[in-house]
Protein backbone atom coordinates (compact mmCIF):
# COMPACT_ATOMS: atom_id res chain seq x y z
CA MET A 1 -15.10 -4.97 13.30
CA THR A 2 -13.50 -1.77 12.13
CA GLY A 3 -10.04 -0.50 12.89
CA ILE A 4 -9.38 3.07 13.87
CA ILE A 5 -8.56 5.66 11.21
CA SER A 6 -7.65 8.93 12.87
CA ASP A 7 -7.46 12.04 10.71
CA ASN A 8 -5.14 15.00 11.05
CA VAL A 9 -7.95 17.29 9.94
CA GLY A 10 -6.07 20.59 10.11
CA ARG A 11 -2.98 19.09 8.46
CA THR A 12 -0.81 21.44 10.51
CA SER A 13 0.78 18.87 12.83
CA GLY A 14 2.73 15.70 12.24
CA LEU A 15 5.10 17.45 9.82
CA ILE A 16 8.26 15.69 8.61
CA LYS A 17 10.83 17.57 6.54
CA SER A 18 11.71 15.65 3.39
CA ALA A 19 15.28 14.36 3.21
CA GLY A 20 15.08 13.79 -0.54
CA GLY A 21 17.01 16.92 -1.46
CA GLY A 22 14.11 18.59 -3.24
CA GLY A 23 12.54 20.36 -0.29
CA GLY A 24 8.92 19.81 0.65
CA THR A 25 7.35 18.53 3.85
CA TRP A 26 5.56 15.29 4.65
CA THR A 27 2.27 15.89 6.50
CA LEU A 28 0.60 13.05 8.39
CA ILE A 29 -3.02 13.00 7.22
CA SER A 30 -4.48 9.86 8.80
CA THR A 31 -3.58 6.64 10.57
CA PHE A 32 -5.26 3.23 10.39
CA THR A 33 -4.74 1.10 13.51
CA SER A 34 -6.11 -2.44 13.38
CA ASP A 35 -8.54 -3.43 16.11
CA GLY A 36 -7.78 -7.10 15.45
CA SER A 37 -10.56 -8.02 13.02
CA ASP A 38 -10.61 -5.58 10.10
CA ALA A 39 -11.87 -6.67 6.69
CA THR A 40 -10.06 -3.72 5.09
CA ALA A 41 -7.90 -0.71 5.84
CA THR A 42 -9.67 1.98 3.83
CA PHE A 43 -8.51 5.54 3.19
CA ASP A 44 -11.59 7.21 1.68
CA SER A 45 -10.89 10.85 2.50
CA GLY A 46 -7.94 13.22 2.42
CA ILE A 47 -6.69 12.16 -1.04
CA ASP A 48 -7.20 15.23 -3.20
CA SER A 49 -5.34 18.01 -5.00
CA THR A 50 -3.75 19.30 -1.78
CA TYR A 51 -0.59 17.25 -2.38
CA PRO A 52 1.14 15.99 -5.55
CA ILE A 53 2.47 12.86 -3.79
CA TYR A 54 0.93 10.62 -1.14
CA LEU A 55 2.87 8.08 0.90
CA PHE A 56 1.42 5.11 2.78
CA LYS A 57 3.67 3.58 5.46
CA ILE A 58 2.62 -0.03 6.10
CA ILE A 59 3.84 -1.17 9.52
CA ASN A 60 3.73 -4.82 10.71
CA ILE A 61 0.42 -5.76 9.10
CA HIS A 62 -0.52 -9.20 10.45
CA PRO A 63 -3.14 -11.56 8.95
CA GLU A 64 -5.68 -13.73 10.71
CA THR A 65 -4.87 -16.92 8.80
CA GLY A 66 -2.18 -15.88 6.30
CA GLY A 67 -2.16 -15.16 2.60
CA ALA A 68 -1.89 -12.34 0.09
CA PHE A 69 -2.00 -8.69 1.18
CA ASN A 70 -3.52 -6.52 -1.56
CA VAL A 71 -4.30 -2.96 -2.57
CA ASN A 72 -6.83 -1.31 -4.85
CA PHE A 73 -7.83 2.22 -5.80
CA ARG A 74 -11.09 4.17 -6.12
CA ASP A 75 -11.58 6.43 -9.13
CA GLY A 76 -14.55 8.53 -8.14
CA SER A 77 -17.22 5.85 -7.71
CA THR A 78 -17.94 3.82 -4.57
CA ALA A 79 -15.98 0.77 -5.72
CA TYR A 80 -12.25 0.14 -5.38
CA ASP A 81 -11.75 -1.09 -8.93
CA ALA A 82 -9.63 1.38 -10.88
CA THR A 83 -8.15 -0.09 -14.07
CA LYS A 84 -4.46 -0.85 -13.53
CA THR A 85 -1.40 -2.05 -15.43
CA THR A 86 1.47 -3.24 -13.21
CA THR A 87 4.68 -5.22 -13.08
CA SER A 88 6.77 -6.70 -10.24
CA PHE A 89 9.90 -8.55 -9.20
CA GLN A 90 11.14 -9.99 -5.92
CA ALA A 91 14.25 -11.10 -4.08
CA GLN A 92 14.08 -13.79 -1.43
CA ILE A 93 16.10 -15.85 1.03
CA GLU A 94 15.02 -18.69 3.31
CA GLU A 95 15.90 -18.46 7.02
CA THR A 96 18.42 -21.30 6.65
CA GLY A 97 20.16 -19.41 3.83
CA SER A 98 18.70 -21.62 1.09
CA TYR A 99 16.72 -20.71 -2.01
CA GLY A 100 18.13 -17.22 -2.51
CA SER A 101 16.90 -15.72 -5.76
CA LEU A 102 16.01 -12.57 -7.67
CA ALA A 103 13.23 -12.97 -10.20
CA TYR A 104 10.60 -11.24 -12.31
CA SER A 105 7.17 -12.23 -10.96
CA GLY A 106 4.87 -12.16 -13.95
CA SER A 107 2.05 -13.97 -12.15
CA TRP A 108 1.43 -10.81 -10.08
CA ASP A 109 1.32 -8.46 -13.06
CA LEU A 110 -1.97 -6.87 -14.09
CA GLN A 111 -2.89 -5.82 -17.62
CA GLN A 112 -5.74 -3.31 -17.78
CA SER A 113 -7.34 -5.06 -14.81
CA THR A 114 -9.74 -3.89 -12.11
CA ALA A 115 -8.62 -6.68 -9.76
CA VAL A 116 -6.70 -6.07 -6.55
CA GLN A 117 -2.92 -5.78 -6.80
CA GLY A 118 -1.01 -8.26 -4.65
CA ILE A 119 1.72 -6.45 -2.73
CA ALA A 120 2.80 -9.16 -0.26
CA PRO A 121 1.62 -12.44 -1.78
CA ASP A 122 1.93 -14.94 1.08
CA VAL A 123 2.24 -13.40 4.53
CA GLY A 124 2.53 -15.92 7.35
CA ASN A 125 0.13 -15.88 10.30
CA GLY A 126 2.56 -16.87 13.07
CA ASN A 127 2.64 -14.49 16.01
CA ASP A 128 5.88 -12.92 14.75
CA GLU A 129 4.92 -12.88 11.04
CA SER A 130 3.77 -9.77 9.19
CA CYS A 131 4.54 -7.45 6.27
CA SER A 132 5.81 -3.87 6.12
CA GLY A 133 6.64 -1.37 3.41
CA PHE A 134 5.69 1.72 1.45
CA LEU A 135 3.28 2.78 -1.30
CA TRP A 136 3.83 6.06 -3.16
CA LEU A 137 0.91 7.50 -5.19
CA PHE A 138 1.68 10.34 -7.63
CA ASP A 139 -0.66 13.20 -8.58
CA PRO A 140 -3.86 11.27 -7.81
CA SER A 141 -6.12 14.23 -8.65
CA SER A 142 -4.93 14.58 -12.23
CA THR A 143 -7.69 14.32 -14.82
CA VAL A 144 -5.18 14.28 -17.69
CA SER A 145 -2.42 11.80 -16.82
CA VAL A 146 -2.47 8.23 -15.60
CA LYS A 147 -1.85 7.90 -11.84
CA HIS A 148 1.51 6.22 -11.20
CA PHE A 149 2.31 4.28 -8.03
CA LEU A 150 5.37 2.50 -6.64
CA ILE A 151 5.32 -0.17 -3.93
CA ARG A 152 8.15 -1.65 -1.87
CA MET A 153 7.24 -4.40 0.60
CA ASN A 154 8.97 -7.00 2.73
CA GLN A 155 7.01 -9.97 3.98
CA TYR A 156 7.66 -12.80 6.41
CA HIS A 157 6.54 -15.60 4.10
CA GLY A 158 4.54 -18.42 5.66
CA ALA A 159 7.33 -20.85 4.71
CA ASP A 160 9.95 -18.81 6.64
CA PHE A 161 11.31 -16.67 3.80
CA SER A 162 12.14 -13.00 3.72
CA GLN A 163 10.74 -11.70 0.46
CA ASP A 164 11.45 -8.18 -0.83
CA TRP A 165 8.82 -7.09 -3.38
CA HIS A 166 9.14 -4.24 -5.90
CA ILE A 167 5.91 -3.33 -7.69
CA GLY A 168 5.14 -0.48 -10.05
CA GLY A 169 2.27 0.54 -12.25
CA TYR A 170 -0.41 3.08 -12.98
CA CYS A 171 -4.15 3.53 -12.72
CA ASN A 172 -5.13 3.98 -16.35
CA CYS A 173 -8.00 6.40 -15.93
CA THR A 174 -8.63 10.12 -16.42
CA ALA A 175 -10.78 10.32 -13.28
CA ALA A 176 -9.05 11.33 -10.06
CA ILE A 177 -8.05 8.63 -7.59
CA ASP A 178 -9.75 9.54 -4.30
CA GLY A 179 -9.47 6.36 -2.22
CA VAL A 180 -7.02 3.56 -1.43
CA GLN A 181 -7.98 0.25 0.18
CA PHE A 182 -5.78 -2.50 1.62
CA SER A 183 -7.00 -6.02 2.42
CA PHE A 184 -6.02 -9.65 2.73
CA ALA A 185 -7.33 -12.03 0.09
CA SER A 186 -9.38 -14.27 2.36
CA ASP A 187 -9.24 -13.10 5.96
CA ASP A 188 -9.00 -10.12 8.28
CA ILE A 189 -6.23 -7.74 9.20
CA GLN A 190 -5.39 -8.75 12.76
CA GLY A 191 -2.75 -6.20 13.69
CA GLY A 192 -0.56 -3.34 12.53
CA LYS A 193 -0.82 0.25 11.33
CA ILE A 194 -0.91 2.16 8.05
CA LYS A 195 -0.08 5.87 8.00
CA MET A 196 -0.97 8.19 5.10
CA TYR A 197 1.16 11.28 4.42
CA GLY A 198 0.99 14.04 1.83
CA LEU A 199 4.14 15.68 0.38
CA SER A 200 4.07 19.37 -0.42
CA ASP A 201 6.11 20.60 -3.40
CA SER A 202 7.61 23.60 -1.65
């Protein structure tokens, strides 16, 4: 099954004024809405030189059976396998107040890898369990610089933890990034939305 991705083709509606102090306007470009059995949430159009920054809002993404929620990037071919170098750390607390920690998470780092990047490593599949957050992608159409991205996610861990993930890295390629794909490691997306915005620089 395939979820719904609706496009704001004219890019003249869905405008949000940036509160970052630097001006600019967020424009809603497209929205993925899960139909309950989606192998991926794929944004394969609308990522171009129109905007210098793209923002993905990830809202209550729920898995079929639980596990890692991932992202990958397309660099001009048909595959989502751009070479990436990344690093991450996470804070966590168990619902009872136990096991609070803040730690570097080297096992989720990538070094010049084409593999998916884990962004919420163990999302629970209970009815109330999901993950939410943001992904910022910078200057994806550059053919000179690497393409930086920042990710901030919170997940309801399958063992009843709140885990706050901070992930950063870059796609180490000179080709433009023209697609972004989200997926679970071993099952379907069973609920939630992802919205893609572009940020103008004026």
